Amino acid sequence: MDVVILILAIFVGLVFLGLAVKLALFGLRVIFSLAFVGLLVFAVIWLLSKILTLF
């Protein structure tokens, strides 16, 4: 009986570990995409300011 509980505990632990890794990767992707969008917006504003100072 103890072996069954042990196997179940390991299985549940692995499932939770997989979910945690998935969540971490998703969080990283969200953070990187947000940073990328922020950089793009910054670049556009910087270019617009450069163009406006020419006129």
PDB file of N, CA and C in Angstrom:
ATOM      1  N   MET A   1       0.836  -1.207   0.000  1.00  0.00           N
ATOM      2  CA  MET A   1       0.000   0.000   0.000  1.00  0.00           C
ATOM      3  C   MET A   1       0.870   1.255   0.000  1.00  0.00           C
ATOM      4  N   ASP A   2       1.954   1.212   0.759  1.00  0.00           N
ATOM      5  CA  ASP A   2       2.844   2.364   0.830  1.00  0.00           C
ATOM      6  C   ASP A   2       3.471   2.670  -0.537  1.00  0.00           C
ATOM      7  N   VAL A   3       3.756   1.597  -1.299  1.00  0.00           N
ATOM      8  CA  VAL A   3       4.365   1.783  -2.622  1.00  0.00           C
ATOM      9  C   VAL A   3       3.415   2.535  -3.544  1.00  0.00           C
ATOM     10  N   VAL A   4       2.112   2.194  -3.479  1.00  0.00           N
ATOM     11  CA  VAL A   4       1.112   2.853  -4.329  1.00  0.00           C
ATOM     12  C   VAL A   4       1.058   4.340  -3.995  1.00  0.00           C
ATOM     13  N   ILE A   5       1.059   4.661  -2.687  1.00  0.00           N
ATOM     14  CA  ILE A   5       1.017   6.065  -2.247  1.00  0.00           C
ATOM     15  C   ILE A   5       2.274   6.792  -2.731  1.00  0.00           C
ATOM     16  N   LEU A   6       3.411   6.131  -2.647  1.00  0.00           N
ATOM     17  CA  LEU A   6       4.671   6.719  -3.096  1.00  0.00           C
ATOM     18  C   LEU A   6       4.631   7.016  -4.588  1.00  0.00           C
ATOM     19  N   ILE A   7       4.159   6.049  -5.384  1.00  0.00           N
ATOM     20  CA  ILE A   7       4.070   6.235  -6.843  1.00  0.00           C
ATOM     21  C   ILE A   7       3.111   7.375  -7.168  1.00  0.00           C
ATOM     22  N   LEU A   8       1.983   7.417  -6.466  1.00  0.00           N
ATOM     23  CA  LEU A   8       1.013   8.493  -6.681  1.00  0.00           C
ATOM     24  C   LEU A   8       1.630   9.846  -6.345  1.00  0.00           C
ATOM     25  N   ALA A   9       2.366   9.892  -5.229  1.00  0.00           N
ATOM     26  CA  ALA A   9       2.996  11.146  -4.812  1.00  0.00           C
ATOM     27  C   ALA A   9       4.008  11.610  -5.864  1.00  0.00           C
ATOM     28  N   ILE A  10       4.819  10.700  -6.388  1.00  0.00           N
ATOM     29  CA  ILE A  10       5.811  11.041  -7.412  1.00  0.00           C
ATOM     30  C   ILE A  10       5.110  11.536  -8.674  1.00  0.00           C
ATOM     31  N   PHE A  11       4.031  10.829  -9.065  1.00  0.00           N
ATOM     32  CA  PHE A  11       3.292  11.206 -10.276  1.00  0.00           C
ATOM     33  C   PHE A  11       2.700  12.605 -10.139  1.00  0.00           C
ATOM     34  N   VAL A  12       2.054  12.847  -8.991  1.00  0.00           N
ATOM     35  CA  VAL A  12       1.448  14.168  -8.750  1.00  0.00           C
ATOM     36  C   VAL A  12       2.529  15.246  -8.720  1.00  0.00           C
ATOM     37  N   GLY A  13       3.661  14.940  -8.112  1.00  0.00           N
ATOM     38  CA  GLY A  13       4.771  15.892  -8.064  1.00  0.00           C
ATOM     39  C   GLY A  13       5.280  16.233  -9.450  1.00  0.00           C
ATOM     40  N   LEU A  14       5.408  15.202 -10.309  1.00  0.00           N
ATOM     41  CA  LEU A  14       5.866  15.429 -11.681  1.00  0.00           C
ATOM     42  C   LEU A  14       4.869  16.278 -12.461  1.00  0.00           C
ATOM     43  N   VAL A  15       3.576  16.001 -12.269  1.00  0.00           N
ATOM     44  CA  VAL A  15       2.532  16.774 -12.961  1.00  0.00           C
ATOM     45  C   VAL A  15       2.615  18.237 -12.542  1.00  0.00           C
ATOM     46  N   PHE A  16       2.741  18.474 -11.217  1.00  0.00           N
ATOM     47  CA  PHE A  16       2.831  19.848 -10.721  1.00  0.00           C
ATOM     48  C   PHE A  16       4.099  20.519 -11.229  1.00  0.00           C
ATOM     49  N   LEU A  17       5.195  19.775 -11.295  1.00  0.00           N
ATOM     50  CA  LEU A  17       6.457  20.309 -11.803  1.00  0.00           C
ATOM     51  C   LEU A  17       6.289  20.726 -13.266  1.00  0.00           C
ATOM     52  N   GLY A  18       5.648  19.871 -14.060  1.00  0.00           N
ATOM     53  CA  GLY A  18       5.404  20.195 -15.461  1.00  0.00           C
ATOM     54  C   GLY A  18       4.565  21.453 -15.609  1.00  0.00           C
ATOM     55  N   LEU A  19       3.510  21.566 -14.780  1.00  0.00           N
ATOM     56  CA  LEU A  19       2.662  22.757 -14.818  1.00  0.00           C
ATOM     57  C   LEU A  19       3.456  23.996 -14.433  1.00  0.00           C
ATOM     58  N   ALA A  20       4.310  23.874 -13.422  1.00  0.00           N
ATOM     59  CA  ALA A  20       5.118  25.006 -12.979  1.00  0.00           C
ATOM     60  C   ALA A  20       6.069  25.458 -14.085  1.00  0.00           C
ATOM     61  N   VAL A  21       6.699  24.498 -14.765  1.00  0.00           N
ATOM     62  CA  VAL A  21       7.611  24.829 -15.860  1.00  0.00           C
ATOM     63  C   VAL A  21       6.847  25.514 -16.991  1.00  0.00           C
ATOM     64  N   LYS A  22       5.659  24.981 -17.322  1.00  0.00           N
ATOM     65  CA  LYS A  22       4.826  25.566 -18.374  1.00  0.00           C
ATOM     66  C   LYS A  22       4.476  27.007 -18.021  1.00  0.00           C
ATOM     67  N   LEU A  23       4.057  27.221 -16.775  1.00  0.00           N
ATOM     68  CA  LEU A  23       3.695  28.568 -16.325  1.00  0.00           C
ATOM     69  C   LEU A  23       4.892  29.501 -16.378  1.00  0.00           C
ATOM     70  N   ALA A  24       6.065  29.002 -15.973  1.00  0.00           N
ATOM     71  CA  ALA A  24       7.277  29.818 -15.987  1.00  0.00           C
ATOM     72  C   ALA A  24       7.632  30.218 -17.410  1.00  0.00           C
ATOM     73  N   LEU A  25       7.554  29.260 -18.346  1.00  0.00           N
ATOM     74  CA  LEU A  25       7.862  29.556 -19.748  1.00  0.00           C
ATOM     75  C   LEU A  25       6.861  30.555 -20.312  1.00  0.00           C
ATOM     76  N   PHE A  26       5.584  30.383 -19.963  1.00  0.00           N
ATOM     77  CA  PHE A  26       4.546  31.306 -20.428  1.00  0.00           C
ATOM     78  C   PHE A  26       4.810  32.709 -19.890  1.00  0.00           C
ATOM     79  N   GLY A  27       5.173  32.790 -18.597  1.00  0.00           N
ATOM     80  CA  GLY A  27       5.484  34.081 -17.985  1.00  0.00           C
ATOM     81  C   GLY A  27       6.668  34.751 -18.664  1.00  0.00           C
ATOM     82  N   LEU A  28       7.702  33.964 -18.950  1.00  0.00           N
ATOM     83  CA  LEU A  28       8.881  34.506 -19.630  1.00  0.00           C
ATOM     84  C   LEU A  28       8.503  35.031 -21.014  1.00  0.00           C
ATOM     85  N   ARG A  29       7.680  34.262 -21.730  1.00  0.00           N
ATOM     86  CA  ARG A  29       7.266  34.681 -23.070  1.00  0.00           C
ATOM     87  C   ARG A  29       6.496  35.996 -22.993  1.00  0.00           C
ATOM     88  N   VAL A  30       5.588  36.102 -22.011  1.00  0.00           N
ATOM     89  CA  VAL A  30       4.799  37.331 -21.849  1.00  0.00           C
ATOM     90  C   VAL A  30       5.720  38.506 -21.536  1.00  0.00           C
ATOM     91  N   ILE A  31       6.675  38.292 -20.611  1.00  0.00           N
ATOM     92  CA  ILE A  31       7.594  39.367 -20.235  1.00  0.00           C
ATOM     93  C   ILE A  31       8.428  39.804 -21.436  1.00  0.00           C
ATOM     94  N   PHE A  32       8.945  38.842 -22.206  1.00  0.00           N
ATOM     95  CA  PHE A  32       9.773  39.181 -23.359  1.00  0.00           C
ATOM     96  C   PHE A  32       8.960  39.898 -24.433  1.00  0.00           C
ATOM     97  N   SER A  33       7.721  39.441 -24.671  1.00  0.00           N
ATOM     98  CA  SER A  33       6.898  40.099 -25.691  1.00  0.00           C
ATOM     99  C   SER A  33       6.557  41.518 -25.251  1.00  0.00           C
ATOM    100  N   LEU A  34       6.277  41.712 -23.958  1.00  0.00           N
ATOM    101  CA  LEU A  34       5.999  43.059 -23.446  1.00  0.00           C
ATOM    102  C   LEU A  34       7.224  43.953 -23.611  1.00  0.00           C
ATOM    103  N   ALA A  35       8.404  43.420 -23.291  1.00  0.00           N
ATOM    104  CA  ALA A  35       9.636  44.188 -23.440  1.00  0.00           C
ATOM    105  C   ALA A  35       9.858  44.550 -24.907  1.00  0.00           C
ATOM    106  N   PHE A  36       9.584  43.599 -25.809  1.00  0.00           N
ATOM    107  CA  PHE A  36       9.756  43.827 -27.236  1.00  0.00           C
ATOM    108  C   PHE A  36       8.822  44.933 -27.722  1.00  0.00           C
ATOM    109  N   VAL A  37       7.550  44.875 -27.286  1.00  0.00           N
ATOM    110  CA  VAL A  37       6.573  45.896 -27.666  1.00  0.00           C
ATOM    111  C   VAL A  37       7.007  47.255 -27.126  1.00  0.00           C
ATOM    112  N   GLY A  38       7.481  47.266 -25.884  1.00  0.00           N
ATOM    113  CA  GLY A  38       7.961  48.517 -25.286  1.00  0.00           C
ATOM    114  C   GLY A  38       9.114  49.106 -26.084  1.00  0.00           C
ATOM    115  N   LEU A  39      10.046  48.252 -26.504  1.00  0.00           N
ATOM    116  CA  LEU A  39      11.179  48.719 -27.313  1.00  0.00           C
ATOM    117  C   LEU A  39      10.701  49.272 -28.644  1.00  0.00           C
ATOM    118  N   LEU A  40       9.742  48.579 -29.281  1.00  0.00           N
ATOM    119  CA  LEU A  40       9.207  49.056 -30.561  1.00  0.00           C
ATOM    120  C   LEU A  40       8.557  50.421 -30.399  1.00  0.00           C
ATOM    121  N   VAL A  41       7.741  50.586 -29.358  1.00  0.00           N
ATOM    122  CA  VAL A  41       7.070  51.869 -29.114  1.00  0.00           C
ATOM    123  C   VAL A  41       8.111  52.959 -28.879  1.00  0.00           C
ATOM    124  N   PHE A  42       9.133  52.645 -28.070  1.00  0.00           N
ATOM    125  CA  PHE A  42      10.200  53.600 -27.794  1.00  0.00           C
ATOM    126  C   PHE A  42      10.915  54.000 -29.081  1.00  0.00           C
ATOM    127  N   ALA A  43      11.218  53.018 -29.939  1.00  0.00           N
ATOM    128  CA  ALA A  43      11.908  53.291 -31.203  1.00  0.00           C
ATOM    129  C   ALA A  43      11.057  54.184 -32.100  1.00  0.00           C
ATOM    130  N   VAL A  44       9.750  53.907 -32.185  1.00  0.00           N
ATOM    131  CA  VAL A  44       8.852  54.712 -33.023  1.00  0.00           C
ATOM    132  C   VAL A  44       8.801  56.143 -32.515  1.00  0.00           C
ATOM    133  N   ILE A  45       8.652  56.323 -31.200  1.00  0.00           N
ATOM    134  CA  ILE A  45       8.600  57.677 -30.615  1.00  0.00           C
ATOM    135  C   ILE A  45       9.916  58.403 -30.859  1.00  0.00           C
ATOM    136  N   TRP A  46      11.034  57.692 -30.691  1.00  0.00           N
ATOM    137  CA  TRP A  46      12.358  58.292 -30.906  1.00  0.00           C
ATOM    138  C   TRP A  46      12.517  58.734 -32.357  1.00  0.00           C
ATOM    139  N   LEU A  47      12.096  57.870 -33.303  1.00  0.00           N
ATOM    140  CA  LEU A  47      12.191  58.212 -34.728  1.00  0.00           C
ATOM    141  C   LEU A  47      11.280  59.408 -35.047  1.00  0.00           C
ATOM    142  N   LEU A  48      10.080  59.412 -34.490  1.00  0.00           N
ATOM    143  CA  LEU A  48       9.165  60.533 -34.733  1.00  0.00           C
ATOM    144  C   LEU A  48       9.755  61.828 -34.205  1.00  0.00           C
ATOM    145  N   SER A  49      10.358  61.798 -33.037  1.00  0.00           N
ATOM    146  CA  SER A  49      10.962  63.014 -32.482  1.00  0.00           C
ATOM    147  C   SER A  49      12.122  63.477 -33.353  1.00  0.00           C
ATOM    148  N   LYS A  50      12.918  62.542 -33.859  1.00  0.00           N
ATOM    149  CA  LYS A  50      14.031  62.898 -34.754  1.00  0.00           C
ATOM    150  C   LYS A  50      13.502  63.550 -36.036  1.00  0.00           C
ATOM    151  N   ILE A  51      12.427  62.973 -36.614  1.00  0.00           N
ATOM    152  CA  ILE A  51      11.856  63.495 -37.858  1.00  0.00           C
ATOM    153  C   ILE A  51      11.257  64.878 -37.615  1.00  0.00           C
ATOM    154  N   LEU A  52      10.569  65.046 -36.472  1.00  0.00           N
ATOM    155  CA  LEU A  52       9.931  66.329 -36.175  1.00  0.00           C
ATOM    156  C   LEU A  52      10.957  67.424 -35.934  1.00  0.00           C
ATOM    157  N   THR A  53      12.123  67.077 -35.383  1.00  0.00           N
ATOM    158  CA  THR A  53      13.140  68.109 -35.143  1.00  0.00           C
ATOM    159  C   THR A  53      13.767  68.563 -36.453  1.00  0.00           C
ATOM    160  N   LEU A  54      13.660  67.753 -37.514  1.00  0.00           N
ATOM    161  CA  LEU A  54      14.217  68.152 -38.811  1.00  0.00           C
ATOM    162  C   LEU A  54      13.403  69.275 -39.426  1.00  0.00           C
ATOM    163  N   PHE A  55      12.070  69.224 -39.247  1.00  0.00           N
ATOM    164  CA  PHE A  55      11.211  70.243 -39.870  1.00  0.00           C
ATOM    165  C   PHE A  55      11.182  71.531 -39.057  1.00  0.00           C
TER     166      PHE A  55
END
